[in-house]
PDB file of all heavy atoms in Angstrom:
ATOM      1  N   LEU A   1       0.740  -1.167  -0.012  1.00  0.00           N
ATOM      2  CA  LEU A   1      -0.014  -0.060  -0.024  1.00  0.00           C
ATOM      3  C   LEU A   1       0.857   1.257   0.003  1.00  0.00           C
ATOM      4  O   LEU A   1       0.567   2.216  -0.698  1.00  0.00           O
ATOM      5  CB  LEU A   1      -0.966  -0.005   1.205  1.00  0.00           C
ATOM      6  CG  LEU A   1      -2.058  -1.030   1.266  1.00  0.00           C
ATOM      7  CD1 LEU A   1      -2.802  -1.045   2.500  1.00  0.00           C
ATOM      8  CD2 LEU A   1      -2.918  -0.925   0.005  1.00  0.00           C
ATOM      9  N   VAL A   2       1.887   1.273   0.798  1.00  0.00           N
ATOM     10  CA  VAL A   2       2.831   2.368   0.763  1.00  0.00           C
ATOM     11  C   VAL A   2       3.478   2.582  -0.569  1.00  0.00           C
ATOM     12  O   VAL A   2       3.682   3.675  -1.069  1.00  0.00           O
ATOM     13  CB  VAL A   2       3.890   2.225   1.910  1.00  0.00           C
ATOM     14  CG1 VAL A   2       4.894   3.298   1.828  1.00  0.00           C
ATOM     15  CG2 VAL A   2       3.228   2.230   3.324  1.00  0.00           C
ATOM     16  N   SER A   3       3.902   1.485  -1.229  1.00  0.00           N
ATOM     17  CA  SER A   3       4.475   1.530  -2.526  1.00  0.00           C
ATOM     18  C   SER A   3       3.566   2.047  -3.543  1.00  0.00           C
ATOM     19  O   SER A   3       3.954   2.894  -4.367  1.00  0.00           O
ATOM     20  CB  SER A   3       4.931   0.148  -2.919  1.00  0.00           C
ATOM     21  OG  SER A   3       5.917  -0.390  -1.940  1.00  0.00           O
ATOM     22  N   LEU A   4       2.305   1.666  -3.504  1.00  0.00           N
ATOM     23  CA  LEU A   4       1.306   2.235  -4.440  1.00  0.00           C
ATOM     24  C   LEU A   4       1.044   3.657  -4.262  1.00  0.00           C
ATOM     25  O   LEU A   4       0.889   4.475  -5.196  1.00  0.00           O
ATOM     26  CB  LEU A   4      -0.005   1.408  -4.328  1.00  0.00           C
ATOM     27  CG  LEU A   4       0.056  -0.008  -4.787  1.00  0.00           C
ATOM     28  CD1 LEU A   4      -1.294  -0.708  -4.432  1.00  0.00           C
ATOM     29  CD2 LEU A   4       0.189  -0.098  -6.342  1.00  0.00           C
ATOM     30  N   LEU A   5       1.042   4.131  -2.981  1.00  0.00           N
ATOM     31  CA  LEU A   5       0.851   5.543  -2.695  1.00  0.00           C
ATOM     32  C   LEU A   5       2.054   6.346  -3.203  1.00  0.00           C
ATOM     33  O   LEU A   5       1.854   7.435  -3.806  1.00  0.00           O
ATOM     34  CB  LEU A   5       0.739   5.718  -1.156  1.00  0.00           C
ATOM     35  CG  LEU A   5       0.301   7.114  -0.702  1.00  0.00           C
ATOM     36  CD1 LEU A   5      -1.054   7.551  -1.376  1.00  0.00           C
ATOM     37  CD2 LEU A   5       0.300   7.223   0.840  1.00  0.00           C
ATOM     38  N   LEU A   6       3.269   5.838  -3.005  1.00  0.00           N
ATOM     39  CA  LEU A   6       4.428   6.471  -3.563  1.00  0.00           C
ATOM     40  C   LEU A   6       4.413   6.563  -5.052  1.00  0.00           C
ATOM     41  O   LEU A   6       4.780   7.590  -5.683  1.00  0.00           O
ATOM     42  CB  LEU A   6       5.679   5.812  -3.004  1.00  0.00           C
ATOM     43  CG  LEU A   6       7.021   6.381  -3.514  1.00  0.00           C
ATOM     44  CD1 LEU A   6       7.160   7.856  -3.105  1.00  0.00           C
ATOM     45  CD2 LEU A   6       8.207   5.543  -3.006  1.00  0.00           C
ATOM     46  N   ALA A   7       4.009   5.411  -5.668  1.00  0.00           N
ATOM     47  CA  ALA A   7       3.926   5.434  -7.177  1.00  0.00           C
ATOM     48  C   ALA A   7       2.927   6.395  -7.655  1.00  0.00           C
ATOM     49  O   ALA A   7       3.183   7.092  -8.686  1.00  0.00           O
ATOM     50  CB  ALA A   7       3.561   3.978  -7.571  1.00  0.00           C
ATOM     51  N   LEU A   8       1.921   6.625  -6.934  1.00  0.00           N
ATOM     52  CA  LEU A   8       0.815   7.646  -7.361  1.00  0.00           C
ATOM     53  C   LEU A   8       1.499   8.956  -7.355  1.00  0.00           C
ATOM     54  O   LEU A   8       1.231   9.785  -8.263  1.00  0.00           O
ATOM     55  CB  LEU A   8      -0.334   7.538  -6.334  1.00  0.00           C
ATOM     56  CG  LEU A   8      -1.475   8.624  -6.523  1.00  0.00           C
ATOM     57  CD1 LEU A   8      -2.079   8.421  -7.972  1.00  0.00           C
ATOM     58  CD2 LEU A   8      -2.510   8.427  -5.471  1.00  0.00           C
ATOM     59  N   PHE A   9       2.208   9.278  -6.241  1.00  0.00           N
ATOM     60  CA  PHE A   9       2.818  10.625  -6.223  1.00  0.00           C
ATOM     61  C   PHE A   9       3.916  10.844  -7.277  1.00  0.00           C
ATOM     62  O   PHE A   9       3.959  11.906  -7.937  1.00  0.00           O
ATOM     63  CB  PHE A   9       3.496  10.838  -4.834  1.00  0.00           C
ATOM     64  CG  PHE A   9       2.425  11.031  -3.717  1.00  0.00           C
ATOM     65  CD1 PHE A   9       2.718  10.502  -2.426  1.00  0.00           C
ATOM     66  CD2 PHE A   9       1.295  11.718  -3.943  1.00  0.00           C
ATOM     67  CE1 PHE A   9       1.780  10.600  -1.434  1.00  0.00           C
ATOM     68  CE2 PHE A   9       0.322  11.841  -2.957  1.00  0.00           C
ATOM     69  CZ  PHE A   9       0.580  11.239  -1.690  1.00  0.00           C
ATOM     70  N   ILE A  10       4.706   9.840  -7.548  1.00  0.00           N
ATOM     71  CA  ILE A  10       5.703   9.958  -8.599  1.00  0.00           C
ATOM     72  C   ILE A  10       5.062  10.113  -9.986  1.00  0.00           C
ATOM     73  O   ILE A  10       5.560  10.894 -10.806  1.00  0.00           O
ATOM     74  CB  ILE A  10       6.664   8.643  -8.538  1.00  0.00           C
ATOM     75  CG1 ILE A  10       7.458   8.618  -7.253  1.00  0.00           C
ATOM     76  CG2 ILE A  10       7.621   8.724  -9.727  1.00  0.00           C
ATOM     77  CD1 ILE A  10       8.294   7.415  -7.111  1.00  0.00           C
ATOM     78  N   LEU A  11       4.041   9.291 -10.221  1.00  0.00           N
ATOM     79  CA  LEU A  11       3.370   9.381 -11.515  1.00  0.00           C
ATOM     80  C   LEU A  11       2.656  10.751 -11.679  1.00  0.00           C
ATOM     81  O   LEU A  11       2.670  11.343 -12.780  1.00  0.00           O
ATOM     82  CB  LEU A  11       2.345   8.300 -11.669  1.00  0.00           C
ATOM     83  CG  LEU A  11       2.921   6.881 -11.929  1.00  0.00           C
ATOM     84  CD1 LEU A  11       1.911   5.832 -11.840  1.00  0.00           C
ATOM     85  CD2 LEU A  11       3.645   6.794 -13.185  1.00  0.00           C
ATOM     86  N   SER A  12       2.093  11.267 -10.612  1.00  0.00           N
ATOM     87  CA  SER A  12       1.431  12.569 -10.704  1.00  0.00           C
ATOM     88  C   SER A  12       2.464  13.726 -10.892  1.00  0.00           C
ATOM     89  O   SER A  12       2.027  14.675 -11.544  1.00  0.00           O
ATOM     90  CB  SER A  12       0.687  12.892  -9.353  1.00  0.00           C
ATOM     91  OG  SER A  12      -0.282  11.745  -9.187  1.00  0.00           O
ATOM     92  N   ALA A  13       3.693  13.482 -10.409  1.00  0.00           N
ATOM     93  CA  ALA A  13       4.627  14.576 -10.653  1.00  0.00           C
ATOM     94  C   ALA A  13       5.195  14.664 -12.080  1.00  0.00           C
ATOM     95  O   ALA A  13       5.746  15.715 -12.405  1.00  0.00           O
ATOM     96  CB  ALA A  13       5.880  14.380  -9.723  1.00  0.00           C
ATOM     97  N   GLY A  14       4.978  13.666 -12.864  1.00  0.00           N
ATOM     98  CA  GLY A  14       5.300  13.739 -14.273  1.00  0.00           C
ATOM     99  C   GLY A  14       6.867  13.661 -14.413  1.00  0.00           C
ATOM    100  O   GLY A  14       7.611  12.904 -13.762  1.00  0.00           O
ATOM    101  N   ASP A  15       7.427  14.728 -15.198  1.00  0.00           N
ATOM    102  CA  ASP A  15       8.815  14.776 -15.354  1.00  0.00           C
ATOM    103  C   ASP A  15       9.530  15.653 -14.305  1.00  0.00           C
ATOM    104  O   ASP A  15      10.725  16.001 -14.625  1.00  0.00           O
ATOM    105  CB  ASP A  15       9.074  15.416 -16.794  1.00  0.00           C
ATOM    106  CG  ASP A  15       8.649  14.428 -17.936  1.00  0.00           C
ATOM    107  OD1 ASP A  15       8.686  13.137 -17.624  1.00  0.00           O
ATOM    108  OD2 ASP A  15       8.374  14.822 -19.014  1.00  0.00           O
ATOM    109  N   THR A  16       8.840  16.073 -13.400  1.00  0.00           N
ATOM    110  CA  THR A  16       9.461  16.966 -12.317  1.00  0.00           C
ATOM    111  C   THR A  16      10.675  16.291 -11.717  1.00  0.00           C
ATOM    112  O   THR A  16      11.749  16.909 -11.534  1.00  0.00           O
ATOM    113  CB  THR A  16       8.446  17.364 -11.266  1.00  0.00           C
ATOM    114  OG1 THR A  16       7.287  17.984 -11.862  1.00  0.00           O
ATOM    115  CG2 THR A  16       9.027  18.324 -10.207  1.00  0.00           C
ATOM    116  N   PHE A  17      10.538  15.040 -11.322  1.00  0.00           N
ATOM    117  CA  PHE A  17      11.647  14.307 -10.671  1.00  0.00           C
ATOM    118  C   PHE A  17      12.776  14.212 -11.648  1.00  0.00           C
ATOM    119  O   PHE A  17      14.012  14.438 -11.220  1.00  0.00           O
ATOM    120  CB  PHE A  17      11.141  12.916 -10.217  1.00  0.00           C
ATOM    121  CG  PHE A  17      12.192  12.144  -9.568  1.00  0.00           C
ATOM    122  CD1 PHE A  17      12.587  12.390  -8.283  1.00  0.00           C
ATOM    123  CD2 PHE A  17      12.733  11.096 -10.286  1.00  0.00           C
ATOM    124  CE1 PHE A  17      13.600  11.579  -7.698  1.00  0.00           C
ATOM    125  CE2 PHE A  17      13.721  10.236  -9.607  1.00  0.00           C
ATOM    126  CZ  PHE A  17      14.173  10.552  -8.273  1.00  0.00           C
ATOM    127  N   ARG A  18      12.552  13.871 -12.884  1.00  0.00           N
ATOM    128  CA  ARG A  18      13.671  13.814 -13.875  1.00  0.00           C
ATOM    129  C   ARG A  18      14.388  15.124 -13.959  1.00  0.00           C
ATOM    130  O   ARG A  18      15.683  15.072 -14.131  1.00  0.00           O
ATOM    131  CB  ARG A  18      13.151  13.293 -15.157  1.00  0.00           C
ATOM    132  CG  ARG A  18      12.512  11.917 -15.073  1.00  0.00           C
ATOM    133  CD  ARG A  18      11.613  11.562 -16.337  1.00  0.00           C
ATOM    134  NE  ARG A  18      12.404  11.555 -17.560  1.00  0.00           N
ATOM    135  CZ  ARG A  18      13.001  10.433 -17.993  1.00  0.00           C
ATOM    136  NH1 ARG A  18      12.914   9.309 -17.290  1.00  0.00           N
ATOM    137  NH2 ARG A  18      13.616  10.495 -19.050  1.00  0.00           N
ATOM    138  N   ARG A  19      13.641  16.210 -14.062  1.00  0.00           N
ATOM    139  CA  ARG A  19      14.275  17.497 -14.277  1.00  0.00           C
ATOM    140  C   ARG A  19      15.213  17.883 -12.972  1.00  0.00           C
ATOM    141  O   ARG A  19      16.222  18.421 -13.226  1.00  0.00           O
ATOM    142  CB  ARG A  19      13.268  18.560 -14.538  1.00  0.00           C
ATOM    143  CG  ARG A  19      12.548  18.480 -15.892  1.00  0.00           C
ATOM    144  CD  ARG A  19      11.808  19.780 -16.195  1.00  0.00           C
ATOM    145  NE  ARG A  19      10.766  20.069 -15.248  1.00  0.00           N
ATOM    146  CZ  ARG A  19       9.471  19.673 -15.425  1.00  0.00           C
ATOM    147  NH1 ARG A  19       9.133  18.986 -16.518  1.00  0.00           N
ATOM    148  NH2 ARG A  19       8.640  19.958 -14.471  1.00  0.00           N
ATOM    149  N   LYS A  20      14.647  17.539 -11.884  1.00  0.00           N
ATOM    150  CA  LYS A  20      15.417  17.825 -10.682  1.00  0.00           C
ATOM    151  C   LYS A  20      16.771  17.015 -10.655  1.00  0.00           C
ATOM    152  O   LYS A  20      17.757  17.526 -10.246  1.00  0.00           O
ATOM    153  CB  LYS A  20      14.550  17.531  -9.420  1.00  0.00           C
ATOM    154  CG  LYS A  20      13.444  18.528  -9.231  1.00  0.00           C
ATOM    155  CD  LYS A  20      12.705  18.318  -7.925  1.00  0.00           C
ATOM    156  CE  LYS A  20      11.624  19.275  -7.733  1.00  0.00           C
ATOM    157  NZ  LYS A  20      12.148  20.651  -7.497  1.00  0.00           N
ATOM    158  N   VAL A  21      16.658  15.739 -10.974  1.00  0.00           N
ATOM    159  CA  VAL A  21      17.790  14.906 -11.089  1.00  0.00           C
ATOM    160  C   VAL A  21      18.864  15.528 -12.111  1.00  0.00           C
ATOM    161  O   VAL A  21      20.008  15.495 -11.816  1.00  0.00           O
ATOM    162  CB  VAL A  21      17.492  13.417 -11.390  1.00  0.00           C
ATOM    163  CG1 VAL A  21      18.692  12.581 -11.569  1.00  0.00           C
ATOM    164  CG2 VAL A  21      16.632  12.799 -10.254  1.00  0.00           C
ATOM    165  N   ALA A  22      18.316  15.823 -13.253  1.00  0.00           N
ATOM    166  CA  ALA A  22      19.198  16.425 -14.304  1.00  0.00           C
ATOM    167  C   ALA A  22      19.837  17.715 -13.772  1.00  0.00           C
ATOM    168  O   ALA A  22      21.037  17.960 -14.110  1.00  0.00           O
ATOM    169  CB  ALA A  22      18.406  16.620 -15.568  1.00  0.00           C
ATOM    170  N   LYS A  23      19.106  18.472 -13.022  1.00  0.00           N
ATOM    171  CA  LYS A  23      19.603  19.778 -12.508  1.00  0.00           C
ATOM    172  C   LYS A  23      20.746  19.462 -11.434  1.00  0.00           C
ATOM    173  O   LYS A  23      21.708  20.187 -11.353  1.00  0.00           O
ATOM    174  CB  LYS A  23      18.517  20.577 -11.875  1.00  0.00           C
ATOM    175  CG  LYS A  23      18.924  21.983 -11.408  1.00  0.00           C
ATOM    176  CD  LYS A  23      17.796  22.746 -10.899  1.00  0.00           C
ATOM    177  CE  LYS A  23      18.240  24.168 -10.502  1.00  0.00           C
ATOM    178  NZ  LYS A  23      17.063  24.942  -9.916  1.00  0.00           N
ATOM    179  N   LEU A  24      20.451  18.479 -10.585  1.00  0.00           N
ATOM    180  CA  LEU A  24      21.490  18.071  -9.529  1.00  0.00           C
ATOM    181  C   LEU A  24      22.808  17.507 -10.242  1.00  0.00           C
ATOM    182  O   LEU A  24      23.805  17.436  -9.492  1.00  0.00           O
ATOM    183  CB  LEU A  24      20.954  17.091  -8.550  1.00  0.00           C
ATOM    184  CG  LEU A  24      19.788  17.686  -7.661  1.00  0.00           C
ATOM    185  CD1 LEU A  24      19.235  16.553  -6.800  1.00  0.00           C
ATOM    186  CD2 LEU A  24      20.390  18.774  -6.787  1.00  0.00           C
ATOM    187  N   ALA A  25      22.690  16.995 -11.468  1.00  0.00           N
ATOM    188  CA  ALA A  25      23.831  16.486 -12.050  1.00  0.00           C
ATOM    189  C   ALA A  25      24.977  17.465 -12.300  1.00  0.00           C
ATOM    190  O   ALA A  25      26.167  17.133 -12.479  1.00  0.00           O
ATOM    191  CB  ALA A  25      23.504  15.806 -13.364  1.00  0.00           C
ATOM    192  N   GLY A  26      24.615  18.712 -12.368  1.00  0.00           N
ATOM    193  CA  GLY A  26      25.593  19.749 -12.562  1.00  0.00           C
ATOM    194  C   GLY A  26      25.109  20.744 -13.599  1.00  0.00           C
ATOM    195  O   GLY A  26      24.148  20.635 -14.351  1.00  0.00           O
ATOM    196  N   ALA A  27      25.936  21.852 -13.688  1.00  0.00           N
ATOM    197  CA  ALA A  27      25.591  22.862 -14.685  1.00  0.00           C
ATOM    198  C   ALA A  27      26.060  22.546 -16.103  1.00  0.00           C
ATOM    199  O   ALA A  27      25.597  23.169 -17.065  1.00  0.00           O
ATOM    200  CB  ALA A  27      26.280  24.257 -14.231  1.00  0.00           C
ATOM    201  N   SER A  28      26.925  21.626 -16.218  1.00  0.00           N
ATOM    202  CA  SER A  28      27.440  21.271 -17.536  1.00  0.00           C
ATOM    203  C   SER A  28      26.309  20.590 -18.392  1.00  0.00           C
ATOM    204  O   SER A  28      25.621  19.687 -17.909  1.00  0.00           O
ATOM    205  CB  SER A  28      28.598  20.250 -17.520  1.00  0.00           C
ATOM    206  OG  SER A  28      29.044  19.766 -18.670  1.00  0.00           O
ATOM    207  N   LEU A  29      26.228  20.983 -19.723  1.00  0.00           N
ATOM    208  CA  LEU A  29      25.310  20.390 -20.599  1.00  0.00           C
ATOM    209  C   LEU A  29      25.559  18.932 -20.835  1.00  0.00           C
ATOM    210  O   LEU A  29      24.632  18.152 -20.984  1.00  0.00           O
ATOM    211  CB  LEU A  29      25.263  21.190 -21.873  1.00  0.00           C
ATOM    212  CG  LEU A  29      24.217  20.789 -22.944  1.00  0.00           C
ATOM    213  CD1 LEU A  29      22.800  20.873 -22.400  1.00  0.00           C
ATOM    214  CD2 LEU A  29      24.299  21.526 -24.229  1.00  0.00           C
ATOM    215  N   ALA A  30      26.854  18.557 -20.917  1.00  0.00           N
ATOM    216  CA  ALA A  30      27.240  17.202 -21.190  1.00  0.00           C
ATOM    217  C   ALA A  30      26.783  16.287 -19.898  1.00  0.00           C
ATOM    218  O   ALA A  30      26.262  15.198 -20.110  1.00  0.00           O
ATOM    219  CB  ALA A  30      28.730  17.032 -21.299  1.00  0.00           C
ATOM    220  N   ARG A  31      26.921  16.700 -18.669  1.00  0.00           N
ATOM    221  CA  ARG A  31      26.544  16.015 -17.582  1.00  0.00           C
ATOM    222  C   ARG A  31      24.988  15.788 -17.555  1.00  0.00           C
ATOM    223  O   ARG A  31      24.517  14.685 -17.270  1.00  0.00           O
ATOM    224  CB  ARG A  31      26.958  16.727 -16.269  1.00  0.00           C
ATOM    225  CG  ARG A  31      28.454  16.639 -15.954  1.00  0.00           C
ATOM    226  CD  ARG A  31      28.805  17.390 -14.732  1.00  0.00           C
ATOM    227  NE  ARG A  31      30.143  17.178 -14.229  1.00  0.00           N
ATOM    228  CZ  ARG A  31      30.580  16.268 -13.478  1.00  0.00           C
ATOM    229  NH1 ARG A  31      29.713  15.328 -12.972  1.00  0.00           N
ATOM    230  NH2 ARG A  31      31.839  16.161 -13.159  1.00  0.00           N
ATOM    231  N   ARG A  32      24.263  16.858 -17.918  1.00  0.00           N
ATOM    232  CA  ARG A  32      22.835  16.735 -17.902  1.00  0.00           C
ATOM    233  C   ARG A  32      22.362  15.778 -19.020  1.00  0.00           C
ATOM    234  O   ARG A  32      21.426  14.978 -18.830  1.00  0.00           O
ATOM    235  CB  ARG A  32      22.202  18.072 -18.096  1.00  0.00           C
ATOM    236  CG  ARG A  32      22.397  19.006 -16.958  1.00  0.00           C
ATOM    237  CD  ARG A  32      21.613  20.293 -17.076  1.00  0.00           C
ATOM    238  NE  ARG A  32      21.720  21.161 -15.892  1.00  0.00           N
ATOM    239  CZ  ARG A  32      21.022  22.250 -15.694  1.00  0.00           C
ATOM    240  NH1 ARG A  32      20.194  22.674 -16.624  1.00  0.00           N
ATOM    241  NH2 ARG A  32      21.241  22.971 -14.616  1.00  0.00           N
ATOM    242  N   ARG A  33      23.045  15.800 -20.128  1.00  0.00           N
ATOM    243  CA  ARG A  33      22.716  14.866 -21.259  1.00  0.00           C
ATOM    244  C   ARG A  33      22.937  13.463 -20.797  1.00  0.00           C
ATOM    245  O   ARG A  33      22.093  12.581 -21.110  1.00  0.00           O
ATOM    246  CB  ARG A  33      23.534  15.253 -22.479  1.00  0.00           C
ATOM    247  CG  ARG A  33      23.232  14.319 -23.718  1.00  0.00           C
ATOM    248  CD  ARG A  33      24.027  14.781 -24.926  1.00  0.00           C
ATOM    249  NE  ARG A  33      25.418  14.812 -24.641  1.00  0.00           N
ATOM    250  CZ  ARG A  33      26.188  13.669 -24.578  1.00  0.00           C
ATOM    251  NH1 ARG A  33      25.640  12.448 -24.924  1.00  0.00           N
ATOM    252  NH2 ARG A  33      27.453  13.771 -24.422  1.00  0.00           N
ATOM    253  N   VAL A  34      24.103  13.218 -20.224  1.00  0.00           N
ATOM    254  CA  VAL A  34      24.337  11.854 -19.729  1.00  0.00           C
ATOM    255  C   VAL A  34      23.364  11.410 -18.703  1.00  0.00           C
ATOM    256  O   VAL A  34      22.863  10.219 -18.716  1.00  0.00           O
ATOM    257  CB  VAL A  34      25.761  11.728 -19.172  1.00  0.00           C
ATOM    258  CG1 VAL A  34      26.048  10.386 -18.527  1.00  0.00           C
ATOM    259  CG2 VAL A  34      26.820  11.938 -20.236  1.00  0.00           C
ATOM    260  N   THR A  35      22.953  12.280 -17.791  1.00  0.00           N
ATOM    261  CA  THR A  35      22.019  11.915 -16.768  1.00  0.00           C
ATOM    262  C   THR A  35      20.606  11.568 -17.487  1.00  0.00           C
ATOM    263  O   THR A  35      20.001  10.581 -17.008  1.00  0.00           O
ATOM    264  CB  THR A  35      21.783  13.162 -15.786  1.00  0.00           C
ATOM    265  OG1 THR A  35      23.028  13.412 -15.245  1.00  0.00           O
ATOM    266  CG2 THR A  35      20.792  12.785 -14.710  1.00  0.00           C
ATOM    267  N   ILE A  36      20.192  12.390 -18.394  1.00  0.00           N
ATOM    268  CA  ILE A  36      18.929  12.044 -19.034  1.00  0.00           C
ATOM    269  C   ILE A  36      19.002  10.721 -19.866  1.00  0.00           C
ATOM    270  O   ILE A  36      18.032   9.936 -19.838  1.00  0.00           O
ATOM    271  CB  ILE A  36      18.592  13.232 -20.076  1.00  0.00           C
ATOM    272  CG1 ILE A  36      18.252  14.491 -19.290  1.00  0.00           C
ATOM    273  CG2 ILE A  36      17.411  12.794 -20.894  1.00  0.00           C
ATOM    274  CD1 ILE A  36      17.065  14.387 -18.349  1.00  0.00           C
ATOM    275  N   GLU A  37      20.126  10.498 -20.409  1.00  0.00           N
ATOM    276  CA  GLU A  37      20.392   9.160 -21.140  1.00  0.00           C
ATOM    277  C   GLU A  37      20.225   8.006 -20.146  1.00  0.00           C
ATOM    278  O   GLU A  37      19.600   6.923 -20.433  1.00  0.00           O
ATOM    279  CB  GLU A  37      21.703   9.086 -21.907  1.00  0.00           C
ATOM    280  CG  GLU A  37      21.750   9.941 -23.026  1.00  0.00           C
ATOM    281  CD  GLU A  37      23.126   9.994 -23.717  1.00  0.00           C
ATOM    282  OE1 GLU A  37      23.989   9.269 -23.119  1.00  0.00           O
ATOM    283  OE2 GLU A  37      23.320  10.570 -24.776  1.00  0.00           O
ATOM    284  N   VAL A  38      20.857   8.171 -18.927  1.00  0.00           N
ATOM    285  CA  VAL A  38      20.708   7.124 -17.904  1.00  0.00           C
ATOM    286  C   VAL A  38      19.376   6.879 -17.447  1.00  0.00           C
ATOM    287  O   VAL A  38      18.864   5.812 -17.366  1.00  0.00           O
ATOM    288  CB  VAL A  38      21.677   7.473 -16.699  1.00  0.00           C
ATOM    289  CG1 VAL A  38      21.435   6.533 -15.510  1.00  0.00           C
ATOM    290  CG2 VAL A  38      23.166   7.438 -17.118  1.00  0.00           C
ATOM    291  N   LEU A  39      18.705   8.051 -17.211  1.00  0.00           N
ATOM    292  CA  LEU A  39      17.206   7.905 -16.756  1.00  0.00           C
ATOM    293  C   LEU A  39      16.327   7.238 -17.816  1.00  0.00           C
ATOM    294  O   LEU A  39      15.475   6.416 -17.530  1.00  0.00           O
ATOM    295  CB  LEU A  39      16.684   9.268 -16.389  1.00  0.00           C
ATOM    296  CG  LEU A  39      17.333   9.988 -15.119  1.00  0.00           C
ATOM    297  CD1 LEU A  39      16.763  11.364 -15.043  1.00  0.00           C
ATOM    298  CD2 LEU A  39      17.001   9.123 -13.922  1.00  0.00           C
ATOM    299  N   ASN A  40      16.568   7.578 -19.107  1.00  0.00           N
ATOM    300  CA  ASN A  40      15.820   6.973 -20.225  1.00  0.00           C
ATOM    301  C   ASN A  40      16.151   5.490 -20.309  1.00  0.00           C
ATOM    302  O   ASN A  40      15.213   4.656 -20.546  1.00  0.00           O
ATOM    303  CB  ASN A  40      16.051   7.638 -21.520  1.00  0.00           C
ATOM    304  CG  ASN A  40      15.500   9.100 -21.613  1.00  0.00           C
ATOM    305  OD1 ASN A  40      14.581   9.377 -20.916  1.00  0.00           O
ATOM    306  ND2 ASN A  40      16.225   9.910 -22.443  1.00  0.00           N
ATOM    307  N   GLU A  41      17.335   5.138 -20.148  1.00  0.00           N
ATOM    308  CA  GLU A  41      17.749   3.725 -20.173  1.00  0.00           C
ATOM    309  C   GLU A  41      17.150   2.944 -18.974  1.00  0.00           C
ATOM    310  O   GLU A  41      16.685   1.788 -19.192  1.00  0.00           O
ATOM    311  CB  GLU A  41      19.273   3.544 -20.321  1.00  0.00           C
ATOM    312  CG  GLU A  41      19.673   2.062 -20.459  1.00  0.00           C
ATOM    313  CD  GLU A  41      21.109   1.916 -20.687  1.00  0.00           C
ATOM    314  OE1 GLU A  41      21.801   2.943 -21.009  1.00  0.00           O
ATOM    315  OE2 GLU A  41      21.649   0.810 -20.553  1.00  0.00           O
ATOM    316  N   ILE A  42      17.193   3.529 -17.806  1.00  0.00           N
ATOM    317  CA  ILE A  42      16.526   2.898 -16.681  1.00  0.00           C
ATOM    318  C   ILE A  42      15.030   2.615 -16.924  1.00  0.00           C
ATOM    319  O   ILE A  42      14.556   1.527 -16.625  1.00  0.00           O
ATOM    320  CB  ILE A  42      16.858   3.733 -15.392  1.00  0.00           C
ATOM    321  CG1 ILE A  42      18.270   3.746 -14.989  1.00  0.00           C
ATOM    322  CG2 ILE A  42      15.911   3.254 -14.235  1.00  0.00           C
ATOM    323  CD1 ILE A  42      18.650   4.632 -13.919  1.00  0.00           C
ATOM    324  N   ASP A  43      14.438   3.708 -17.466  1.00  0.00           N
ATOM    325  CA  ASP A  43      13.010   3.565 -17.779  1.00  0.00           C
ATOM    326  C   ASP A  43      12.755   2.378 -18.754  1.00  0.00           C
ATOM    327  O   ASP A  43      11.797   1.586 -18.497  1.00  0.00           O
ATOM    328  CB  ASP A  43      12.568   4.881 -18.455  1.00  0.00           C
ATOM    329  CG  ASP A  43      11.020   4.996 -18.345  1.00  0.00           C
ATOM    330  OD1 ASP A  43      10.303   3.922 -18.181  1.00  0.00           O
ATOM    331  OD2 ASP A  43      10.554   6.191 -18.594  1.00  0.00           O
TER     332      ASP A  43
END
C-alpha cells in the first residue's frame, strides 16, 4: 500500500523528478545529457 501511494505521487509529478535529477547532475550540458540518457535507459 505504501509503494502504491508513492507510485501515485511519482506518476502525478510527471517529469518533475527527472528534471530535478538532471539539475543536480551539474551545470554542464554534457553532464545533464548523460543523466537524461541514464534515466531513459533505466525507464
